[in-house]
Amino acid sequence: MASKVFVDTDVILDYLTDRSPFAHYSSMIFDLHERKEINIHISALSVNNIFYIARKIIGEEKALILLSKLIEDIEIIGTTKAEIRKALHSDFKDFEDAIQYSTALTISGMSSIITRNIKDYRKSIIAVFTPEIFIKTKFPKNK
């Protein structure tokens, strides 16, 4: 059974917009998902943020096309009042990351959070990795 991973907005943007130098390992995360070695989950909050930022980088039409493909292939987890409350009362300095983390905690069997901003997840009870460290640690033959 594929392990469940929660992927932060920055990693998805790196993948969709081919942002250098981060796209390489972010793409590898999605390759693992396509091979069913991992199961990617994201927060519903991310969808809006992804579109908002991606359209500035790659244009609105291309952003809509890529986002449409993305949402068909991954798990999107709703963010409720409970996750927002938990985020508001967390020790996270970045509110968006606090919401992401609170949402990730609702997913049974979540093994990892993948983000480029691991310092904001210092108090996480879920393992936190950059895409590069995740690949090198969990899938060393894929480096």
Protein backbone atom coordinates (compact mmCIF):
# COMPACT_ATOMS: atom_id res chain seq x y z
CA MET A 1 0.00 0.00 0.00
CA ALA A 2 1.31 3.43 -0.95
CA SER A 3 2.26 5.74 1.90
CA LYS A 4 0.19 8.89 2.35
CA VAL A 5 2.05 12.17 1.99
CA PHE A 6 0.78 15.69 2.46
CA VAL A 7 2.31 18.05 -0.09
CA ASP A 8 2.56 21.75 0.69
CA THR A 9 1.62 24.47 -1.79
CA ASP A 10 5.21 25.48 -2.58
CA VAL A 11 6.13 21.99 -3.78
CA ILE A 12 3.09 21.80 -6.05
CA LEU A 13 3.88 25.22 -7.51
CA ASP A 14 7.47 24.16 -8.16
CA TYR A 15 6.18 21.12 -10.04
CA LEU A 16 3.43 22.84 -12.04
CA THR A 17 5.42 25.93 -13.01
CA ASP A 18 8.78 24.17 -13.43
CA ARG A 19 10.39 26.57 -10.94
CA SER A 20 14.13 26.23 -10.96
CA PRO A 21 16.02 24.92 -9.05
CA PHE A 22 13.21 23.19 -7.15
CA ALA A 23 11.25 21.49 -9.94
CA HIS A 24 13.50 18.44 -10.24
CA TYR A 25 12.74 16.87 -6.86
CA SER A 26 9.15 18.14 -6.85
CA SER A 27 8.63 16.35 -10.16
CA MET A 28 10.10 13.20 -8.66
CA ILE A 29 7.46 13.36 -5.90
CA PHE A 30 4.73 13.38 -8.55
CA ASP A 31 6.47 10.56 -10.45
CA LEU A 32 6.30 8.44 -7.29
CA HIS A 33 2.60 9.26 -7.06
CA GLU A 34 2.00 8.25 -10.68
CA ARG A 35 3.77 4.94 -10.00
CA LYS A 36 1.47 4.52 -6.97
CA GLU A 37 4.40 4.40 -4.56
CA ILE A 38 2.97 7.35 -2.62
CA ASN A 39 -0.50 8.88 -2.39
CA ILE A 40 -0.47 12.69 -2.52
CA HIS A 41 -2.88 14.70 -0.37
CA ILE A 42 -3.28 18.46 -0.34
CA SER A 43 -5.43 20.92 1.54
CA ALA A 44 -8.41 22.52 -0.22
CA LEU A 45 -6.81 25.79 0.90
CA SER A 46 -3.90 25.06 -1.45
CA VAL A 47 -6.03 24.94 -4.59
CA ASN A 48 -6.83 28.64 -4.51
CA ASN A 49 -3.28 29.60 -3.60
CA ILE A 50 -1.84 27.41 -6.36
CA PHE A 51 -4.06 29.01 -8.98
CA TYR A 52 -3.45 32.55 -7.72
CA ILE A 53 0.34 32.19 -7.85
CA ALA A 54 0.59 29.92 -10.91
CA ARG A 55 -1.43 32.26 -13.10
CA LYS A 56 1.11 35.00 -12.42
CA ILE A 57 3.97 32.71 -13.45
CA ILE A 58 2.52 30.72 -16.37
CA GLY A 59 -0.65 32.61 -17.29
CA GLU A 60 -4.28 32.02 -16.37
CA GLU A 61 -5.16 29.60 -19.18
CA LYS A 62 -2.22 27.27 -18.58
CA ALA A 63 -2.73 27.48 -14.80
CA LEU A 64 -6.37 26.40 -15.18
CA ILE A 65 -5.43 23.48 -17.43
CA LEU A 66 -2.69 22.24 -15.09
CA LEU A 67 -4.85 22.69 -12.00
CA SER A 68 -7.71 20.79 -13.64
CA LYS A 69 -5.37 17.85 -14.31
CA LEU A 70 -3.85 18.02 -10.85
CA ILE A 71 -7.12 17.83 -8.93
CA GLU A 72 -8.21 14.73 -10.84
CA ASP A 73 -5.16 12.80 -9.71
CA ILE A 74 -4.61 13.66 -6.04
CA GLU A 75 -6.60 13.70 -2.81
CA ILE A 76 -7.93 17.08 -1.71
CA ILE A 77 -8.76 17.37 1.97
CA GLY A 78 -11.31 19.90 3.17
CA THR A 79 -10.38 22.48 5.73
CA THR A 80 -13.05 23.05 8.35
CA LYS A 81 -13.62 25.38 11.24
CA ALA A 82 -11.91 22.84 13.50
CA GLU A 83 -8.64 23.02 11.52
CA ILE A 84 -8.79 26.83 11.41
CA ARG A 85 -9.30 26.97 15.19
CA LYS A 86 -6.41 24.60 15.74
CA ALA A 87 -4.23 26.73 13.44
CA LEU A 88 -5.20 29.93 15.25
CA HIS A 89 -4.07 28.45 18.56
CA SER A 90 -0.93 26.78 17.28
CA ASP A 91 2.67 27.84 17.76
CA PHE A 92 3.18 28.16 14.01
CA LYS A 93 4.48 31.55 12.91
CA ASP A 94 3.04 31.16 9.40
CA PHE A 95 -0.76 30.93 9.51
CA GLU A 96 -1.09 29.17 6.15
CA ASP A 97 1.37 26.48 7.28
CA ALA A 98 -0.58 26.14 10.52
CA ILE A 99 -3.74 25.44 8.52
CA GLN A 100 -1.87 23.01 6.26
CA TYR A 101 -0.54 21.16 9.29
CA SER A 102 -3.91 21.08 11.06
CA THR A 103 -5.44 19.65 7.89
CA ALA A 104 -2.69 17.02 7.52
CA LEU A 105 -3.38 15.85 11.07
CA THR A 106 -6.94 14.89 10.09
CA ILE A 107 -5.74 12.28 7.59
CA SER A 108 -5.50 8.80 9.07
CA GLY A 109 -2.14 7.17 8.42
CA MET A 110 -0.39 10.32 7.15
CA SER A 111 3.30 9.45 7.02
CA SER A 112 5.00 12.63 5.84
CA ILE A 113 4.62 16.30 5.06
CA ILE A 114 6.63 17.47 2.06
CA THR A 115 7.49 21.17 1.94
CA ARG A 116 10.40 23.43 1.11
CA ASN A 117 9.78 25.35 4.32
CA ILE A 118 10.51 22.72 6.96
CA LYS A 119 11.45 25.27 9.65
CA ASP A 120 7.78 26.23 10.02
CA TYR A 121 6.91 22.62 10.86
CA ARG A 122 9.42 22.21 13.72
CA LYS A 123 6.80 21.00 16.19
CA SER A 124 5.17 18.56 13.79
CA ILE A 125 4.36 15.08 15.04
CA ILE A 126 4.32 13.99 11.38
CA ALA A 127 7.72 13.57 9.69
CA VAL A 128 8.57 16.65 7.59
CA PHE A 129 10.85 16.58 4.55
CA THR A 130 11.93 18.77 1.69
CA PRO A 131 11.28 17.02 -1.64
CA GLU A 132 15.01 16.33 -2.02
CA ILE A 133 15.42 14.84 1.47
CA PHE A 134 12.21 12.79 1.05
CA ILE A 135 13.52 11.24 -2.16
CA LYS A 136 17.02 10.63 -0.78
CA THR A 137 15.68 9.17 2.49
CA LYS A 138 12.61 7.20 1.44
CA PHE A 139 13.45 6.35 -2.18
CA PRO A 140 17.27 6.44 -2.46
CA LYS A 141 17.34 4.41 -5.69
CA ASN A 142 15.37 7.23 -7.40
CA LYS A 143 17.90 10.04 -6.71
